[in-house]
């Protein structure tokens, strides 16, 4: 007996409405969000991912850097950074709450661009676990770097359908949380 789970597609879109989180203006000659000043060494962080509306990076020293609609490359003071949160066009967001390990940090250096995978494309996954006579289904929406996203719109949760052959035998929606 085979059972197939079909999960609805996730569509990312841009509303086309300009959006600003009210980031303070940068000093003359400094790109907003950068930590560049006359005495600090600067490197590049390349973002491998799309549709990023807002990005927050945590510095190893505890500070944060916020970027609204970052491009493909961000100029940052050299140092170590990790993803703290991201918001995507279409209403998806992630906040990193897992314990920090050395693997979570990206080193920005002067001589070589660092790479951070974050954002779209998003991949839908379903983990299936048996508990007694129950099958527990856990839905996750994963970003380019494996970070888990949730929809900001709670009115339309992801759904699935179970088929036996061509016959539909069950369908349901996942619950948030």
N, C-alpha and C. Protein backbone atom coordinates (compact mmCIF):
# COMPACT_ATOMS: atom_id res chain seq x y z
N UNK A 1 0.85 -1.18 0.00
CA UNK A 1 0.00 0.00 0.00
C UNK A 1 0.89 1.23 0.00
N UNK A 2 0.64 2.15 -0.91
CA UNK A 2 1.43 3.39 -0.92
C UNK A 2 0.52 4.56 -0.65
N UNK A 3 1.06 5.51 0.07
CA UNK A 3 0.32 6.72 0.41
C UNK A 3 1.15 7.90 -0.07
N UNK A 4 0.52 8.79 -0.82
CA UNK A 4 1.21 9.98 -1.29
C UNK A 4 0.62 11.20 -0.61
N UNK A 5 1.48 12.10 -0.19
CA UNK A 5 1.03 13.35 0.42
C UNK A 5 1.28 14.47 -0.58
N UNK A 6 0.26 15.22 -0.88
CA UNK A 6 0.40 16.36 -1.78
C UNK A 6 0.18 17.63 -0.98
N UNK A 7 1.12 18.53 -1.03
CA UNK A 7 1.03 19.77 -0.26
C UNK A 7 0.91 20.92 -1.24
N UNK A 8 0.02 21.86 -0.93
CA UNK A 8 -0.21 23.01 -1.81
C UNK A 8 1.06 23.80 -2.05
N UNK A 9 1.13 24.48 -3.17
CA UNK A 9 2.32 25.23 -3.56
C UNK A 9 2.39 26.56 -2.82
N UNK A 10 3.61 27.02 -2.60
CA UNK A 10 3.84 28.31 -1.98
C UNK A 10 4.21 29.28 -3.08
N UNK A 11 3.55 30.42 -3.12
CA UNK A 11 3.82 31.41 -4.15
C UNK A 11 4.33 32.67 -3.49
N UNK A 12 5.50 33.13 -3.92
CA UNK A 12 6.03 34.39 -3.43
C UNK A 12 5.70 35.46 -4.45
N UNK A 13 5.32 36.63 -3.99
CA UNK A 13 5.02 37.70 -4.91
C UNK A 13 5.35 39.02 -4.25
N UNK A 14 5.52 40.02 -5.06
CA UNK A 14 5.78 41.36 -4.56
C UNK A 14 4.53 42.18 -4.76
N UNK A 15 4.14 42.92 -3.74
CA UNK A 15 2.96 43.75 -3.85
C UNK A 15 3.23 45.01 -4.63
N UNK A 16 4.51 45.35 -4.81
CA UNK A 16 4.87 46.55 -5.55
C UNK A 16 4.75 47.81 -4.72
N UNK A 17 4.37 47.69 -3.46
CA UNK A 17 4.21 48.85 -2.60
C UNK A 17 5.54 49.14 -1.93
N UNK A 18 6.07 50.39 -2.06
CA UNK A 18 7.33 50.70 -1.39
C UNK A 18 7.19 50.51 0.11
N UNK A 19 8.24 50.02 0.73
CA UNK A 19 8.18 49.71 2.16
C UNK A 19 9.46 50.15 2.82
N UNK A 20 9.38 50.79 3.98
CA UNK A 20 10.57 51.20 4.70
C UNK A 20 10.36 50.95 6.17
N UNK A 21 11.39 50.44 6.81
CA UNK A 21 11.33 50.19 8.25
C UNK A 21 11.85 51.40 9.02
N UNK A 22 12.09 52.51 8.33
CA UNK A 22 12.50 53.72 9.01
C UNK A 22 13.94 53.68 9.48
N UNK A 23 14.82 53.08 8.71
CA UNK A 23 16.23 53.04 9.08
C UNK A 23 16.78 54.45 9.02
N UNK A 24 17.58 54.88 10.00
CA UNK A 24 18.12 56.23 9.98
C UNK A 24 19.03 56.44 8.79
N UNK A 25 19.11 57.67 8.28
CA UNK A 25 19.97 57.93 7.13
C UNK A 25 21.43 57.67 7.48
N UNK A 26 22.19 57.22 6.49
CA UNK A 26 23.60 56.94 6.69
C UNK A 26 24.42 58.21 6.57
N UNK A 27 25.65 58.14 7.03
CA UNK A 27 26.58 59.24 6.87
C UNK A 27 26.86 59.42 5.39
N UNK A 28 27.28 60.61 4.96
CA UNK A 28 27.57 60.81 3.53
C UNK A 28 28.60 59.80 3.04
N UNK A 29 28.32 59.20 1.86
CA UNK A 29 29.24 58.24 1.26
C UNK A 29 29.15 56.84 1.83
N UNK A 30 28.26 56.59 2.79
CA UNK A 30 28.13 55.27 3.39
C UNK A 30 26.77 54.71 3.03
N UNK A 31 26.73 53.49 2.49
CA UNK A 31 25.47 52.85 2.13
C UNK A 31 24.66 52.55 3.39
N UNK A 32 23.34 52.83 3.39
CA UNK A 32 22.51 52.54 4.57
C UNK A 32 22.67 51.08 4.99
N UNK A 33 22.82 50.89 6.30
CA UNK A 33 22.95 49.54 6.84
C UNK A 33 24.39 49.09 6.97
N UNK A 34 25.31 49.78 6.30
CA UNK A 34 26.70 49.34 6.40
C UNK A 34 27.32 49.86 7.67
N UNK A 35 28.39 49.24 8.06
CA UNK A 35 29.08 49.64 9.28
C UNK A 35 30.37 50.37 8.94
N UNK A 36 30.48 50.78 7.69
CA UNK A 36 31.71 51.40 7.21
C UNK A 36 31.92 52.76 7.86
N UNK A 37 33.12 53.00 8.31
CA UNK A 37 33.52 54.36 8.67
C UNK A 37 34.97 54.52 8.23
N UNK A 38 35.57 55.66 8.51
CA UNK A 38 36.89 55.96 7.97
C UNK A 38 37.97 55.05 8.55
N UNK A 39 37.80 54.46 9.72
CA UNK A 39 38.85 53.69 10.37
C UNK A 39 38.63 52.19 10.34
N UNK A 40 37.51 51.69 9.83
CA UNK A 40 37.25 50.26 9.90
C UNK A 40 37.46 49.59 8.55
N UNK A 41 37.97 48.36 8.59
CA UNK A 41 38.15 47.57 7.38
C UNK A 41 36.80 47.00 6.97
N UNK A 42 36.56 46.94 5.67
CA UNK A 42 35.25 46.53 5.15
C UNK A 42 35.41 45.33 4.23
N UNK A 43 34.42 44.43 4.29
CA UNK A 43 34.36 43.29 3.39
C UNK A 43 32.98 43.18 2.79
N UNK A 44 32.78 42.16 1.96
CA UNK A 44 31.49 41.95 1.31
C UNK A 44 30.84 40.67 1.77
N UNK A 45 29.52 40.74 1.90
CA UNK A 45 28.70 39.57 2.19
C UNK A 45 27.75 39.40 1.02
N UNK A 46 27.90 38.29 0.28
CA UNK A 46 27.01 38.01 -0.85
C UNK A 46 25.83 37.22 -0.34
N UNK A 47 24.63 37.63 -0.74
CA UNK A 47 23.40 36.94 -0.34
C UNK A 47 22.98 36.01 -1.46
N UNK A 48 22.91 34.72 -1.16
CA UNK A 48 22.40 33.74 -2.12
C UNK A 48 20.98 33.42 -1.73
N UNK A 49 20.06 34.09 -2.34
CA UNK A 49 18.64 33.96 -2.07
C UNK A 49 17.92 35.15 -2.66
N UNK A 50 16.63 35.05 -2.78
CA UNK A 50 15.84 36.08 -3.45
C UNK A 50 14.70 36.57 -2.57
N UNK A 51 14.09 37.65 -2.99
CA UNK A 51 12.87 38.21 -2.41
C UNK A 51 13.02 38.62 -0.94
N UNK A 52 14.21 39.06 -0.55
CA UNK A 52 14.44 39.47 0.84
C UNK A 52 13.96 40.90 1.01
N UNK A 53 13.01 41.08 1.92
CA UNK A 53 12.46 42.40 2.21
C UNK A 53 13.20 43.06 3.37
N UNK A 54 13.56 42.27 4.37
CA UNK A 54 14.27 42.78 5.55
C UNK A 54 15.19 41.68 6.05
N UNK A 55 16.41 42.08 6.44
CA UNK A 55 17.41 41.14 6.92
C UNK A 55 18.04 41.72 8.18
N UNK A 56 18.14 40.90 9.22
CA UNK A 56 18.81 41.30 10.46
C UNK A 56 19.92 40.29 10.73
N UNK A 57 21.13 40.82 10.87
CA UNK A 57 22.30 40.00 11.16
C UNK A 57 22.76 40.28 12.58
N UNK A 58 23.18 39.24 13.27
CA UNK A 58 23.74 39.36 14.63
C UNK A 58 25.25 39.32 14.50
N UNK A 59 25.93 40.25 15.14
CA UNK A 59 27.39 40.25 15.18
C UNK A 59 27.84 39.39 16.35
N UNK A 60 29.03 38.83 16.26
CA UNK A 60 29.53 37.97 17.32
C UNK A 60 29.68 38.74 18.63
N UNK A 61 29.92 40.06 18.53
CA UNK A 61 30.05 40.87 19.74
C UNK A 61 28.69 41.25 20.35
N UNK A 62 27.59 40.79 19.72
CA UNK A 62 26.25 41.02 20.27
C UNK A 62 25.46 42.10 19.57
N UNK A 63 26.08 42.92 18.76
CA UNK A 63 25.36 43.96 18.04
C UNK A 63 24.54 43.39 16.90
N UNK A 64 23.67 44.20 16.31
CA UNK A 64 22.87 43.77 15.17
C UNK A 64 23.00 44.79 14.04
N UNK A 65 22.83 44.31 12.83
CA UNK A 65 22.81 45.15 11.63
C UNK A 65 21.53 44.83 10.89
N UNK A 66 20.76 45.87 10.54
CA UNK A 66 19.47 45.71 9.87
C UNK A 66 19.56 46.27 8.46
N UNK A 67 18.93 45.54 7.52
CA UNK A 67 18.94 45.94 6.12
C UNK A 67 17.54 45.81 5.55
N UNK A 68 17.05 46.87 4.93
CA UNK A 68 15.77 46.85 4.23
C UNK A 68 16.04 46.69 2.75
N UNK A 69 15.41 45.70 2.14
CA UNK A 69 15.58 45.37 0.71
C UNK A 69 17.05 45.34 0.31
N UNK A 70 17.83 44.47 0.95
CA UNK A 70 19.25 44.41 0.60
C UNK A 70 19.44 43.91 -0.83
N UNK A 71 20.50 44.34 -1.45
CA UNK A 71 20.84 43.86 -2.79
C UNK A 71 21.51 42.50 -2.69
N UNK A 72 22.21 42.12 -3.76
CA UNK A 72 22.89 40.83 -3.76
C UNK A 72 24.15 40.84 -2.92
N UNK A 73 24.71 42.04 -2.65
CA UNK A 73 25.93 42.17 -1.87
C UNK A 73 25.75 43.27 -0.83
N UNK A 74 26.25 43.01 0.37
CA UNK A 74 26.20 43.98 1.47
C UNK A 74 27.63 44.27 1.89
N UNK A 75 27.95 45.54 2.11
CA UNK A 75 29.25 45.93 2.66
C UNK A 75 29.13 45.95 4.17
N UNK A 76 30.06 45.26 4.84
CA UNK A 76 30.06 45.17 6.30
C UNK A 76 31.48 45.32 6.84
N UNK A 77 31.58 45.79 8.06
CA UNK A 77 32.87 45.78 8.74
C UNK A 77 33.31 44.33 8.86
N UNK A 78 34.60 44.08 8.75
CA UNK A 78 35.07 42.70 8.88
C UNK A 78 34.70 42.18 10.26
N UNK A 79 34.38 40.90 10.31
CA UNK A 79 33.96 40.27 11.56
C UNK A 79 33.10 39.07 11.28
N UNK A 80 32.47 38.56 12.34
CA UNK A 80 31.62 37.37 12.22
C UNK A 80 30.16 37.75 12.42
N UNK A 81 29.30 37.20 11.56
CA UNK A 81 27.87 37.51 11.55
C UNK A 81 27.09 36.22 11.40
N UNK A 82 25.83 36.24 11.86
CA UNK A 82 24.90 35.14 11.61
C UNK A 82 23.51 35.73 11.39
N UNK A 83 22.68 34.95 10.73
CA UNK A 83 21.30 35.37 10.50
C UNK A 83 20.54 35.40 11.81
N UNK A 84 19.83 36.50 12.06
CA UNK A 84 18.96 36.58 13.23
C UNK A 84 17.50 36.53 12.80
N UNK A 85 17.15 37.28 11.76
CA UNK A 85 15.79 37.19 11.22
C UNK A 85 15.76 37.67 9.78
N UNK A 86 14.74 37.22 9.06
CA UNK A 86 14.54 37.62 7.67
C UNK A 86 13.05 37.69 7.39
N UNK A 87 12.67 38.68 6.60
CA UNK A 87 11.29 38.79 6.11
C UNK A 87 11.36 38.80 4.60
N UNK A 88 10.45 38.05 3.98
CA UNK A 88 10.43 37.94 2.52
C UNK A 88 9.19 38.59 1.94
N UNK A 89 9.29 39.00 0.69
CA UNK A 89 8.12 39.48 -0.04
C UNK A 89 7.10 38.35 -0.07
N UNK A 90 5.85 38.67 -0.01
CA UNK A 90 4.81 37.65 -0.01
C UNK A 90 4.37 37.27 1.39
N UNK A 91 5.03 37.81 2.43
CA UNK A 91 4.55 37.60 3.79
C UNK A 91 5.11 36.38 4.49
N UNK A 92 6.38 36.07 4.31
CA UNK A 92 7.01 34.96 5.01
C UNK A 92 8.16 35.50 5.85
N UNK A 93 8.33 34.93 7.06
CA UNK A 93 9.40 35.42 7.93
C UNK A 93 10.00 34.27 8.72
N UNK A 94 11.25 34.50 9.14
CA UNK A 94 11.94 33.54 9.99
C UNK A 94 12.70 34.30 11.06
N UNK A 95 12.78 33.70 12.21
CA UNK A 95 13.58 34.22 13.30
C UNK A 95 14.39 33.06 13.84
N UNK A 96 15.69 33.23 13.96
CA UNK A 96 16.55 32.15 14.39
C UNK A 96 16.56 32.10 15.91
N UNK A 97 16.07 31.00 16.46
CA UNK A 97 16.01 30.84 17.92
C UNK A 97 16.81 29.64 18.39
N UNK A 98 17.48 28.96 17.45
CA UNK A 98 18.24 27.77 17.81
C UNK A 98 19.54 28.19 18.50
N UNK A 99 20.11 27.31 19.31
CA UNK A 99 21.38 27.63 19.95
C UNK A 99 22.46 27.94 18.92
N UNK A 100 23.31 28.88 19.26
CA UNK A 100 24.36 29.30 18.34
C UNK A 100 25.53 28.32 18.41
N UNK A 101 25.99 27.89 17.24
CA UNK A 101 27.19 27.05 17.17
C UNK A 101 28.17 27.74 16.24
N UNK A 102 29.37 27.24 16.19
CA UNK A 102 30.37 27.82 15.29
C UNK A 102 29.95 27.73 13.84
N UNK A 103 29.12 26.74 13.50
CA UNK A 103 28.67 26.55 12.13
C UNK A 103 27.70 27.65 11.68
N UNK A 104 27.09 28.37 12.61
CA UNK A 104 26.12 29.40 12.28
C UNK A 104 26.76 30.71 11.82
N UNK A 105 28.04 30.89 12.05
CA UNK A 105 28.70 32.17 11.80
C UNK A 105 29.32 32.22 10.42
N UNK A 106 29.25 33.40 9.79
CA UNK A 106 29.87 33.67 8.50
C UNK A 106 30.93 34.74 8.76
N UNK A 107 32.15 34.50 8.28
CA UNK A 107 33.24 35.45 8.50
C UNK A 107 33.38 36.37 7.30
N UNK A 108 33.22 37.67 7.55
CA UNK A 108 33.40 38.69 6.52
C UNK A 108 34.84 39.18 6.63
N UNK A 109 35.61 39.05 5.54
CA UNK A 109 37.01 39.46 5.50
C UNK A 109 37.20 40.47 4.37
N UNK A 110 38.31 41.19 4.41
CA UNK A 110 38.60 42.20 3.38
C UNK A 110 38.91 41.57 2.03
N UNK A 111 39.59 40.42 2.04
CA UNK A 111 40.15 39.87 0.82
C UNK A 111 39.24 38.96 0.02
N UNK A 112 38.19 38.39 0.64
CA UNK A 112 37.34 37.43 -0.07
C UNK A 112 35.89 37.60 0.38
N UNK A 113 34.95 37.72 -0.57
CA UNK A 113 33.54 37.86 -0.19
C UNK A 113 33.03 36.62 0.56
N UNK A 114 32.27 36.85 1.61
CA UNK A 114 31.61 35.77 2.34
C UNK A 114 30.25 35.53 1.69
N UNK A 115 29.66 34.36 1.93
CA UNK A 115 28.37 34.01 1.33
C UNK A 115 27.40 33.60 2.44
N UNK A 116 26.18 34.15 2.37
CA UNK A 116 25.10 33.77 3.28
C UNK A 116 23.92 33.33 2.44
N UNK A 117 23.48 32.09 2.64
CA UNK A 117 22.29 31.59 1.94
C UNK A 117 21.08 31.89 2.81
N UNK A 118 20.14 32.64 2.25
CA UNK A 118 18.94 33.04 2.99
C UNK A 118 17.86 33.45 1.98
N UNK A 119 16.61 33.26 2.33
CA UNK A 119 15.51 33.70 1.47
C UNK A 119 15.04 32.63 0.50
N UNK A 120 14.36 33.09 -0.56
CA UNK A 120 13.80 32.19 -1.56
C UNK A 120 14.91 31.70 -2.49
N UNK A 121 14.72 30.56 -3.15
CA UNK A 121 13.48 29.80 -3.23
C UNK A 121 13.18 29.05 -1.93
N UNK A 122 11.90 28.90 -1.68
CA UNK A 122 11.44 28.18 -0.50
C UNK A 122 11.09 26.75 -0.90
N UNK A 123 11.39 25.83 0.00
CA UNK A 123 11.13 24.41 -0.25
C UNK A 123 10.19 23.89 0.83
N UNK A 124 9.10 23.27 0.40
CA UNK A 124 8.15 22.68 1.35
C UNK A 124 8.61 21.28 1.73
N UNK A 125 8.59 20.98 3.01
CA UNK A 125 8.95 19.65 3.47
C UNK A 125 7.90 19.15 4.46
N UNK A 126 7.73 17.85 4.51
CA UNK A 126 6.85 17.24 5.50
C UNK A 126 7.63 16.09 6.14
N UNK A 127 7.79 16.17 7.45
CA UNK A 127 8.41 15.08 8.20
C UNK A 127 7.31 14.20 8.74
N UNK A 128 7.43 12.90 8.56
CA UNK A 128 6.43 11.95 9.02
C UNK A 128 7.05 11.10 10.11
N UNK A 129 6.35 11.01 11.23
CA UNK A 129 6.85 10.21 12.37
C UNK A 129 5.69 9.40 12.92
N UNK A 130 5.97 8.15 13.24
CA UNK A 130 4.93 7.28 13.80
C UNK A 130 5.00 7.35 15.32
N UNK A 131 3.83 7.54 15.92
CA UNK A 131 3.72 7.54 17.38
C UNK A 131 2.54 6.64 17.73
N UNK A 132 2.84 5.41 18.16
CA UNK A 132 1.78 4.43 18.41
C UNK A 132 1.07 4.11 17.11
N UNK A 133 -0.25 4.30 17.10
CA UNK A 133 -1.02 4.03 15.89
C UNK A 133 -1.24 5.30 15.06
N UNK A 134 -0.59 6.40 15.45
CA UNK A 134 -0.76 7.68 14.75
C UNK A 134 0.43 7.97 13.83
N UNK A 135 0.17 8.67 12.75
CA UNK A 135 1.22 9.24 11.92
C UNK A 135 1.22 10.74 12.18
N UNK A 136 2.33 11.26 12.67
CA UNK A 136 2.45 12.69 12.93
C UNK A 136 3.14 13.34 11.74
N UNK A 137 2.50 14.35 11.17
CA UNK A 137 3.03 15.06 10.02
C UNK A 137 3.47 16.45 10.48
N UNK A 138 4.72 16.80 10.20
CA UNK A 138 5.25 18.10 10.59
C UNK A 138 5.68 18.84 9.33
N UNK A 139 4.98 19.93 9.02
CA UNK A 139 5.24 20.73 7.82
C UNK A 139 6.28 21.80 8.13
N UNK A 140 7.25 21.95 7.23
CA UNK A 140 8.24 23.02 7.34
C UNK A 140 8.44 23.66 5.98
N UNK A 141 8.61 24.96 6.00
CA UNK A 141 8.90 25.74 4.81
C UNK A 141 10.33 26.25 4.97
N UNK A 142 11.26 25.72 4.16
CA UNK A 142 12.68 26.00 4.34
C UNK A 142 13.22 26.93 3.27
N UNK A 143 14.09 27.84 3.70
CA UNK A 143 14.72 28.79 2.80
C UNK A 143 16.00 28.25 2.19
N UNK A 144 16.67 29.10 1.42
CA UNK A 144 17.88 28.71 0.69
C UNK A 144 18.99 28.19 1.60
N UNK A 145 19.03 28.66 2.85
CA UNK A 145 20.05 28.22 3.79
C UNK A 145 19.55 27.21 4.80
N UNK A 146 18.33 26.69 4.58
CA UNK A 146 17.76 25.70 5.50
C UNK A 146 17.01 26.33 6.66
N UNK A 147 16.87 27.65 6.67
CA UNK A 147 16.15 28.34 7.74
C UNK A 147 14.64 28.13 7.56
N UNK A 148 13.92 27.98 8.68
CA UNK A 148 12.48 27.69 8.64
C UNK A 148 11.67 28.99 8.62
N UNK A 149 10.75 29.10 7.67
CA UNK A 149 9.88 30.27 7.52
C UNK A 149 8.46 29.92 7.92
N UNK A 150 7.72 30.93 8.35
CA UNK A 150 6.29 30.81 8.59
C UNK A 150 5.59 31.90 7.80
N UNK A 151 4.34 31.65 7.50
CA UNK A 151 3.54 32.64 6.79
C UNK A 151 3.01 33.67 7.79
N UNK A 152 3.05 34.93 7.41
CA UNK A 152 2.49 35.97 8.25
C UNK A 152 0.96 35.97 8.17
N UNK A 153 0.40 35.27 7.16
CA UNK A 153 -1.04 35.17 6.97
C UNK A 153 -1.52 33.85 7.57
N UNK A 154 -2.10 33.89 8.74
CA UNK A 154 -2.54 32.67 9.44
C UNK A 154 -3.92 32.18 8.98
N UNK A 155 -4.55 32.89 8.06
CA UNK A 155 -5.90 32.52 7.65
C UNK A 155 -5.93 31.39 6.63
N UNK A 156 -4.80 31.07 6.00
CA UNK A 156 -4.78 30.03 4.98
C UNK A 156 -3.58 29.09 5.19
N UNK A 157 -3.66 28.18 6.16
CA UNK A 157 -2.53 27.29 6.44
C UNK A 157 -2.32 26.28 5.32
N UNK A 158 -1.10 25.72 5.23
CA UNK A 158 -0.84 24.69 4.22
C UNK A 158 -1.75 23.49 4.43
N UNK A 159 -2.07 22.81 3.33
CA UNK A 159 -2.98 21.66 3.38
C UNK A 159 -2.32 20.45 2.72
N UNK A 160 -2.86 19.27 2.98
CA UNK A 160 -2.38 18.07 2.34
C UNK A 160 -3.55 17.15 2.03
N UNK A 161 -3.30 16.25 1.08
CA UNK A 161 -4.29 15.25 0.69
C UNK A 161 -3.60 13.89 0.61
N UNK A 162 -4.28 12.86 1.10
CA UNK A 162 -3.74 11.50 1.07
C UNK A 162 -4.54 10.70 0.05
N UNK A 163 -3.82 10.03 -0.84
CA UNK A 163 -4.43 9.20 -1.87
C UNK A 163 -3.99 7.76 -1.70
N UNK A 164 -4.90 6.85 -2.02
CA UNK A 164 -4.57 5.43 -2.15
C UNK A 164 -4.85 5.11 -3.61
N UNK A 165 -3.74 5.01 -4.37
CA UNK A 165 -3.91 4.91 -5.82
C UNK A 165 -4.44 6.24 -6.33
N UNK A 166 -5.57 6.18 -7.05
CA UNK A 166 -6.19 7.41 -7.55
C UNK A 166 -7.31 7.90 -6.64
N UNK A 167 -7.58 7.18 -5.57
CA UNK A 167 -8.70 7.51 -4.69
C UNK A 167 -8.25 8.39 -3.52
N UNK A 168 -8.89 9.52 -3.37
CA UNK A 168 -8.63 10.42 -2.25
C UNK A 168 -9.23 9.81 -1.00
N UNK A 169 -8.40 9.59 0.04
CA UNK A 169 -8.92 8.98 1.26
C UNK A 169 -8.94 9.94 2.47
N UNK A 170 -8.18 11.05 2.36
CA UNK A 170 -8.21 12.02 3.46
C UNK A 170 -7.57 13.32 3.00
N UNK A 171 -7.96 14.41 3.63
CA UNK A 171 -7.31 15.70 3.43
C UNK A 171 -7.49 16.53 4.69
N UNK A 172 -6.56 17.43 4.90
CA UNK A 172 -6.60 18.23 6.11
C UNK A 172 -5.67 19.42 5.94
N UNK A 173 -5.80 20.39 6.84
CA UNK A 173 -4.89 21.52 6.87
C UNK A 173 -4.00 21.40 8.10
N UNK A 174 -2.74 21.83 7.93
CA UNK A 174 -1.82 21.86 9.07
C UNK A 174 -2.23 22.99 10.00
N UNK A 175 -1.93 22.84 11.27
CA UNK A 175 -2.16 23.90 12.25
C UNK A 175 -0.85 24.64 12.48
N UNK A 176 -0.93 25.95 12.64
CA UNK A 176 0.27 26.73 12.92
C UNK A 176 0.71 26.47 14.36
N UNK A 177 2.03 26.43 14.54
CA UNK A 177 2.57 26.27 15.88
C UNK A 177 3.04 24.95 16.10
